[in-house]
Amino acid sequence: MLDYLVVGLGLAGIAFCEKLEKEGMSFKVISDDSQQASLVAGGLYNPVILKRFTLAWNAREQMDLAIPFYADLEQKLSITLDHKLRVLRRFASIEEQNSWFQAADRPGLDYFLSTTILKNNNANIDAPFGFGEVNYTGRIDTKALLLAYSNSLIQKNLLIKEPFEYGSFEVLEDYVSYKPTKAKYIVFADGYGLKSNPFFEYLPLNGTKGELLTIRAPELKENSVIKSSVFIIPLGEDLYRVGATYKWKDKTNEPTIDSKNELLTKLKTFLKCDFEVVKHVAGIRPTVVDRRPLVGQHPEYKRLYVLNGLGSRGVLIAPQVSNQLFSAIEKNMALDSEIDIDRFTRKYYSN
């Protein structure tokens, strides 16, 4: 009898598994890699919404948990995950500069927004009004994390690599059963796969398709993240990630020509050097109608839990919500009402 079964091994699943391991709980993971949002994510951790110059939800608390969380994973997995990078917001006008200064005076934002306008020194970027810098930012190599973490679980015989088969799953009074495996609890951290989960399909998980390009630009020589109409994220060796798109109707993981052209059109408004596209990927972000995670206990089956809806900020959100869910299950502590799926219980009973 295990303590937990975890379904899904994206950022949410990894964060919850790490919490279980630290607390001495036994667990196994079931994952088939069908959900690619974490795998193809830009991996940027940035506490500020740079379109509107506002602080992201719970950003300070999430940063305080996330940075040491990934440092611990680096040590555990013997790989580099956290690449410290400056994030520079390209200003399109004097008015945007003024808006930046106003934002930097607000409580919370004053910690993250530099009040020094940086002059553009890169001839391959068009930025006549300069940049604003966000402090304490970087990029988590999510692909390296997922592959290394998956391998570590395989070595410990803790990963079942297969699609979750609901026909082989049974909910009993004192435990749940999946094929020969029994556990006290099951946590579904299955990303957009939640849409086909018969227990939690009532939750309003929308899913937003995101596409990213990887370009090779030998002349660019830029070491900071540049945010304009799209992000340019340096990866090293003259490679840069460009993204991302937000599409609400297409729910496939297939890259599209339309999104590629959209990214290229926006990129060329401020990138002045030659480049070539070397990769184009897509994934479905698990987004929610009220832009808050989906965390908590099933309204009827008390051994079933969900950890989902992290959207485009999963790198920052995952450690915090995983800790909250564990405390709710094992210590009977209340979840924050903003993330608790109790806010949708009426929808469950109305179905």
Protein backbone atom coordinates (compact mmCIF):
# COMPACT_ATOMS: atom_id res chain seq x y z
CA MET A 1 0.00 0.00 0.00
CA LEU A 2 1.49 3.29 -1.16
CA ASP A 3 0.68 6.65 0.33
CA TYR A 4 0.11 8.27 -3.07
CA LEU A 5 -0.39 7.70 -6.76
CA VAL A 6 0.44 10.77 -8.85
CA VAL A 7 -0.90 11.01 -12.40
CA GLY A 8 1.17 13.29 -14.61
CA LEU A 9 4.79 14.39 -14.52
CA GLY A 10 4.85 18.00 -15.61
CA LEU A 11 5.90 20.82 -13.31
CA ALA A 12 2.95 20.24 -10.98
CA GLY A 13 3.61 16.50 -10.72
CA ILE A 14 7.32 16.99 -10.08
CA ALA A 15 6.72 19.61 -7.40
CA PHE A 16 4.24 17.37 -5.59
CA CYS A 17 6.54 14.33 -5.82
CA GLU A 18 9.36 16.39 -4.33
CA LYS A 19 7.14 17.36 -1.43
CA LEU A 20 6.15 13.73 -0.89
CA GLU A 21 9.78 12.60 -0.88
CA LYS A 22 10.83 15.30 1.57
CA GLU A 23 7.99 14.27 3.89
CA GLY A 24 8.91 10.58 3.72
CA MET A 25 5.82 9.48 1.81
CA SER A 26 5.75 6.51 -0.55
CA PHE A 27 4.47 7.10 -4.08
CA LYS A 28 4.46 6.09 -7.72
CA VAL A 29 3.83 8.18 -10.82
CA ILE A 30 1.82 7.28 -13.91
CA SER A 31 2.66 9.36 -16.98
CA ASP A 32 2.77 8.87 -20.73
CA ASP A 33 4.26 12.28 -21.73
CA SER A 34 1.11 13.09 -23.73
CA GLN A 35 0.85 16.58 -22.21
CA GLN A 36 3.66 18.75 -23.54
CA ALA A 37 3.06 22.15 -21.93
CA SER A 38 5.88 21.78 -19.39
CA LEU A 39 8.18 20.15 -21.93
CA VAL A 40 7.94 22.96 -24.50
CA ALA A 41 7.58 25.86 -22.04
CA GLY A 42 9.84 28.88 -22.26
CA GLY A 43 10.70 28.26 -18.60
CA LEU A 44 11.01 31.95 -17.80
CA TYR A 45 10.42 33.00 -14.21
CA ASN A 46 9.40 36.61 -14.14
CA PRO A 47 7.20 38.07 -11.39
CA VAL A 48 5.84 40.94 -13.49
CA ILE A 49 3.18 40.95 -16.20
CA LEU A 50 5.08 43.08 -18.67
CA LYS A 51 2.18 43.94 -20.93
CA ARG A 52 0.48 45.93 -18.17
CA PHE A 53 3.34 46.50 -15.68
CA THR A 54 1.49 44.69 -12.89
CA LEU A 55 2.64 42.14 -10.32
CA ALA A 56 1.68 38.55 -11.07
CA TRP A 57 -0.57 36.76 -8.59
CA ASN A 58 1.33 35.86 -5.38
CA ALA A 59 4.58 36.56 -7.20
CA ARG A 60 6.79 37.40 -4.19
CA GLU A 61 5.72 34.36 -2.18
CA GLN A 62 6.09 32.10 -5.20
CA MET A 63 9.57 33.42 -5.97
CA ASP A 64 10.68 32.87 -2.37
CA LEU A 65 9.68 29.19 -2.65
CA ALA A 66 10.62 28.49 -6.26
CA ILE A 67 14.26 29.61 -6.32
CA PRO A 68 15.41 27.30 -3.49
CA PHE A 69 13.16 24.55 -4.87
CA TYR A 70 15.04 24.47 -8.18
CA ALA A 71 18.38 24.83 -6.41
CA ASP A 72 17.58 21.67 -4.45
CA LEU A 73 16.64 19.87 -7.66
CA GLU A 74 19.91 20.92 -9.29
CA GLN A 75 21.83 19.35 -6.43
CA LYS A 76 19.67 16.22 -6.38
CA LEU A 77 19.81 15.62 -10.14
CA SER A 78 23.38 16.92 -10.67
CA ILE A 79 22.33 19.22 -13.53
CA THR A 80 22.04 22.94 -14.13
CA LEU A 81 18.43 24.10 -14.29
CA ASP A 82 18.37 27.73 -13.17
CA HIS A 83 19.95 30.13 -15.64
CA LYS A 84 19.97 33.63 -14.17
CA LEU A 85 18.99 36.08 -16.92
CA ARG A 86 18.10 39.73 -16.96
CA VAL A 87 14.65 40.47 -18.36
CA LEU A 88 14.54 43.73 -20.29
CA ARG A 89 11.24 45.28 -21.32
CA ARG A 90 11.63 47.16 -24.60
CA PHE A 91 9.86 50.52 -24.51
CA ALA A 92 7.89 51.52 -27.59
CA SER A 93 7.44 55.15 -26.53
CA ILE A 94 8.10 57.84 -23.93
CA GLU A 95 4.62 57.11 -22.59
CA GLU A 96 5.64 53.53 -21.82
CA GLN A 97 8.70 54.80 -19.99
CA ASN A 98 6.46 57.00 -17.85
CA SER A 99 4.09 54.11 -17.14
CA TRP A 100 7.07 52.02 -16.04
CA PHE A 101 8.18 54.67 -13.55
CA GLN A 102 4.66 54.92 -12.15
CA ALA A 103 4.50 51.15 -11.73
CA ALA A 104 7.89 51.08 -10.01
CA ASP A 105 6.48 53.29 -7.24
CA ARG A 106 3.77 50.81 -6.32
CA PRO A 107 4.18 48.54 -3.27
CA GLY A 108 5.41 45.12 -4.35
CA LEU A 109 6.47 46.23 -7.80
CA ASP A 110 9.11 48.53 -6.33
CA TYR A 111 11.07 45.40 -5.32
CA PHE A 112 11.18 44.02 -8.86
CA LEU A 113 11.28 47.02 -11.23
CA SER A 114 14.50 48.95 -11.70
CA THR A 115 14.05 52.70 -12.07
CA THR A 116 17.07 53.06 -14.34
CA ILE A 117 16.28 53.27 -18.04
CA LEU A 118 18.86 51.17 -19.87
CA LYS A 119 20.16 52.45 -23.17
CA ASN A 120 20.14 50.00 -26.05
CA ASN A 121 23.70 49.02 -26.97
CA ASN A 122 22.82 46.19 -29.35
CA ALA A 123 22.83 47.34 -32.99
CA ASN A 124 20.77 44.27 -33.93
CA ILE A 125 17.81 45.31 -31.79
CA ASP A 126 15.62 48.31 -32.57
CA ALA A 127 14.97 49.98 -29.20
CA PRO A 128 15.32 53.78 -29.46
CA PHE A 129 13.48 54.33 -26.16
CA GLY A 130 15.63 51.84 -24.24
CA PHE A 131 14.65 49.16 -21.74
CA GLY A 132 13.30 48.71 -18.25
CA GLU A 133 14.89 45.91 -16.21
CA VAL A 134 13.08 43.39 -14.02
CA ASN A 135 15.10 42.17 -11.05
CA TYR A 136 15.52 38.56 -9.85
CA THR A 137 14.60 36.80 -13.09
CA GLY A 138 15.85 33.78 -15.00
CA ARG A 139 15.01 30.66 -16.96
CA ILE A 140 14.42 27.13 -15.74
CA ASP A 141 15.41 24.49 -18.28
CA THR A 142 12.11 22.63 -18.09
CA LYS A 143 13.02 20.07 -20.74
CA ALA A 144 16.20 19.07 -18.91
CA LEU A 145 14.26 18.95 -15.64
CA LEU A 146 11.51 16.69 -16.97
CA LEU A 147 13.93 14.28 -18.63
CA ALA A 148 16.27 14.06 -15.63
CA TYR A 149 13.43 13.70 -13.14
CA SER A 150 11.74 11.04 -15.22
CA ASN A 151 15.00 9.08 -15.40
CA SER A 152 15.51 9.36 -11.65
CA LEU A 153 12.05 7.89 -11.02
CA ILE A 154 12.68 5.07 -13.51
CA GLN A 155 15.89 4.15 -11.69
CA LYS A 156 13.89 3.91 -8.43
CA ASN A 157 11.09 1.93 -10.13
CA LEU A 158 8.65 4.73 -9.28
CA LEU A 159 7.43 5.61 -12.79
CA ILE A 160 4.78 3.72 -14.73
CA LYS A 161 5.12 4.98 -18.33
CA GLU A 162 1.67 4.49 -19.82
CA PRO A 163 -1.59 6.37 -20.38
CA PHE A 164 -3.80 6.30 -17.30
CA GLU A 165 -6.56 3.75 -17.93
CA TYR A 166 -9.70 4.75 -16.07
CA GLY A 167 -11.18 1.31 -16.71
CA SER A 168 -8.42 -0.15 -14.53
CA PHE A 169 -8.98 2.34 -11.71
CA GLU A 170 -11.18 1.70 -8.70
CA VAL A 171 -12.13 3.92 -5.78
CA LEU A 172 -12.70 1.97 -2.56
CA GLU A 173 -13.55 3.14 0.94
CA ASP A 174 -10.04 2.99 2.40
CA TYR A 175 -7.84 3.25 -0.69
CA VAL A 176 -7.70 3.57 -4.47
CA SER A 177 -6.58 0.78 -6.78
CA TYR A 178 -4.92 0.97 -10.19
CA LYS A 179 -4.12 -2.45 -11.66
CA PRO A 180 -1.93 -4.13 -9.00
CA THR A 181 -1.06 -0.82 -7.28
CA LYS A 182 -2.93 0.42 -4.21
CA ALA A 183 -2.59 3.80 -2.54
CA LYS A 184 -4.28 5.85 0.14
CA TYR A 185 -4.70 8.82 -2.19
CA ILE A 186 -4.42 9.72 -5.86
CA VAL A 187 -3.46 13.18 -7.16
CA PHE A 188 -4.25 14.07 -10.75
CA ALA A 189 -1.60 16.48 -12.04
CA ASP A 190 -2.44 15.69 -15.63
CA GLY A 191 -2.44 19.14 -17.24
CA TYR A 192 -4.80 19.52 -20.17
CA GLY A 193 -5.41 15.76 -19.90
CA LEU A 194 -7.88 16.72 -17.18
CA LYS A 195 -10.41 17.33 -19.96
CA SER A 196 -10.74 13.56 -20.41
CA ASN A 197 -10.69 12.80 -16.67
CA PRO A 198 -14.20 11.57 -15.77
CA PHE A 199 -13.80 12.64 -12.13
CA PHE A 200 -12.69 16.22 -12.71
CA GLU A 201 -13.98 17.03 -16.20
CA TYR A 202 -16.57 19.36 -14.64
CA LEU A 203 -13.82 21.83 -13.75
CA PRO A 204 -13.53 24.81 -16.14
CA LEU A 205 -10.12 24.04 -17.56
CA ASN A 206 -9.97 25.88 -20.88
CA GLY A 207 -6.54 25.10 -22.24
CA THR A 208 -4.59 27.68 -24.25
CA LYS A 209 -2.33 26.58 -27.06
CA GLY A 210 1.12 28.12 -27.06
CA GLU A 211 3.72 27.91 -29.81
CA LEU A 212 7.41 28.80 -29.64
CA LEU A 213 10.25 29.03 -32.12
CA THR A 214 13.94 28.41 -31.62
CA ILE A 215 16.08 30.57 -33.87
CA ARG A 216 19.79 30.69 -34.60
CA ALA A 217 21.06 34.29 -34.81
CA PRO A 218 24.91 34.40 -34.78
CA GLU A 219 25.01 38.18 -35.09
CA LEU A 220 22.60 38.95 -32.24
CA LYS A 221 24.99 38.33 -29.32
CA GLU A 222 22.38 39.10 -26.66
CA ASN A 223 22.63 37.71 -23.12
CA SER A 224 19.42 39.21 -21.69
CA VAL A 225 15.80 38.26 -22.25
CA ILE A 226 14.18 40.90 -24.45
CA LYS A 227 10.43 41.41 -24.07
CA SER A 228 8.64 43.35 -26.76
CA SER A 229 5.64 42.04 -28.70
CA VAL A 230 7.31 38.63 -28.16
CA PHE A 231 10.02 37.31 -25.86
CA ILE A 232 13.52 36.52 -27.06
CA ILE A 233 15.17 34.17 -24.55
CA PRO A 234 18.89 33.39 -24.98
CA LEU A 235 19.71 29.68 -24.80
CA GLY A 236 23.43 29.83 -25.58
CA GLU A 237 25.40 28.89 -28.71
CA ASP A 238 23.62 31.61 -30.75
CA LEU A 239 20.23 30.00 -30.10
CA TYR A 240 17.20 31.95 -28.86
CA ARG A 241 13.67 30.93 -27.95
CA VAL A 242 10.93 33.17 -29.34
CA GLY A 243 7.37 33.15 -28.09
CA ALA A 244 4.72 32.77 -27.40
CA THR A 245 1.30 32.62 -29.02
CA TYR A 246 -2.03 32.27 -27.24
CA LYS A 247 -4.73 30.36 -29.14
CA TRP A 248 -7.99 29.32 -27.51
CA LYS A 249 -9.71 27.19 -30.18
CA ASP A 250 -6.99 24.83 -31.43
CA LYS A 251 -6.42 22.07 -28.83
CA THR A 252 -3.75 20.07 -30.64
CA ASN A 253 -0.02 19.83 -29.94
CA GLU A 254 0.77 20.36 -33.62
CA PRO A 255 2.67 23.53 -34.61
CA THR A 256 0.91 25.70 -37.20
CA ILE A 257 2.12 27.90 -40.05
CA ASP A 258 -0.19 30.73 -38.92
CA SER A 259 1.38 30.90 -35.47
CA LYS A 260 4.88 30.66 -36.92
CA ASN A 261 4.14 33.59 -39.20
CA GLU A 262 2.62 35.55 -36.32
CA LEU A 263 5.76 35.10 -34.22
CA LEU A 264 8.06 35.96 -37.12
CA THR A 265 6.08 39.09 -38.00
CA LYS A 266 6.28 40.37 -34.41
CA LEU A 267 9.94 39.41 -34.08
CA LYS A 268 10.93 41.32 -37.21
CA THR A 269 9.46 44.56 -35.83
CA PHE A 270 12.48 44.92 -33.54
CA LEU A 271 15.11 42.28 -34.51
CA LYS A 272 17.38 43.70 -37.22
CA CYS A 273 19.81 40.84 -37.93
CA ASP A 274 19.46 37.69 -40.01
CA PHE A 275 18.34 34.45 -38.35
CA GLU A 276 17.06 30.99 -39.18
CA VAL A 277 14.28 29.01 -37.53
CA VAL A 278 15.65 25.69 -36.27
CA LYS A 279 12.71 24.43 -34.21
CA HIS A 280 8.97 25.02 -33.82
CA VAL A 281 7.00 23.44 -30.96
CA ALA A 282 3.52 23.66 -29.45
CA GLY A 283 1.71 22.62 -26.30
CA ILE A 284 -1.57 23.21 -24.49
CA ARG A 285 -1.25 25.26 -21.31
CA PRO A 286 -3.71 24.19 -18.58
CA THR A 287 -5.47 27.52 -18.14
CA VAL A 288 -8.58 28.25 -16.07
CA VAL A 289 -11.48 30.62 -16.59
CA ASP A 290 -10.62 32.68 -13.46
CA ARG A 291 -6.83 32.44 -13.99
CA ARG A 292 -6.24 30.56 -10.76
CA PRO A 293 -5.01 26.99 -10.21
CA LEU A 294 -7.32 24.04 -9.63
CA VAL A 295 -6.32 22.40 -6.36
CA GLY A 296 -8.20 20.26 -3.88
CA GLN A 297 -10.35 17.30 -3.02
CA HIS A 298 -13.04 15.79 -5.19
CA PRO A 299 -16.47 16.78 -3.81
CA GLU A 300 -17.67 13.16 -3.65
CA TYR A 301 -14.65 10.83 -3.76
CA LYS A 302 -12.54 11.92 -0.80
CA ARG A 303 -9.38 10.05 -1.78
CA LEU A 304 -9.14 11.85 -5.12
CA TYR A 305 -7.32 15.16 -5.48
CA VAL A 306 -6.42 17.48 -8.32
CA LEU A 307 -3.35 19.70 -8.87
CA ASN A 308 -3.78 21.56 -12.11
CA GLY A 309 -4.47 24.81 -13.92
CA LEU A 310 -1.02 26.38 -13.49
CA GLY A 311 -1.29 28.17 -16.84
CA SER A 312 1.77 29.91 -18.28
CA ARG A 313 3.44 30.50 -14.90
CA GLY A 314 3.84 26.92 -13.77
CA VAL A 315 7.57 27.35 -13.06
CA LEU A 316 6.72 29.76 -10.25
CA ILE A 317 3.35 28.45 -9.10
CA ALA A 318 4.05 24.69 -8.85
CA PRO A 319 6.08 24.59 -5.59
CA GLN A 320 3.64 26.81 -3.70
CA VAL A 321 0.42 25.01 -4.64
CA SER A 322 2.04 21.60 -4.14
CA ASN A 323 2.95 22.53 -0.58
CA GLN A 324 -0.58 23.75 0.03
CA LEU A 325 -2.16 20.56 -1.30
CA PHE A 326 0.09 18.35 0.83
CA SER A 327 -0.77 20.35 3.95
CA ALA A 328 -4.47 20.12 3.11
CA ILE A 329 -4.33 16.33 2.79
CA GLU A 330 -1.94 15.41 5.59
CA LYS A 331 -2.51 18.24 8.09
CA ASN A 332 -6.12 19.12 7.34
CA MET A 333 -5.12 22.72 6.63
CA ALA A 334 -7.48 24.83 4.56
CA LEU A 335 -6.46 25.68 1.01
CA ASP A 336 -6.49 29.30 -0.06
CA SER A 337 -9.99 29.96 -1.37
CA GLU A 338 -8.54 31.36 -4.62
CA ILE A 339 -7.15 27.96 -5.64
CA ASP A 340 -9.57 25.56 -3.91
CA ILE A 341 -11.81 23.71 -6.36
CA ASP A 342 -14.61 24.12 -3.83
CA ARG A 343 -15.32 27.31 -5.77
CA PHE A 344 -16.73 25.07 -8.53
CA THR A 345 -18.55 22.48 -6.40
CA ARG A 346 -21.95 23.81 -7.41
CA LYS A 347 -21.01 23.13 -11.02
CA TYR A 348 -20.24 19.49 -10.15
CA TYR A 349 -23.65 18.87 -8.60
CA SER A 350 -25.47 20.69 -11.39
CA ASN A 351 -24.02 18.38 -14.09
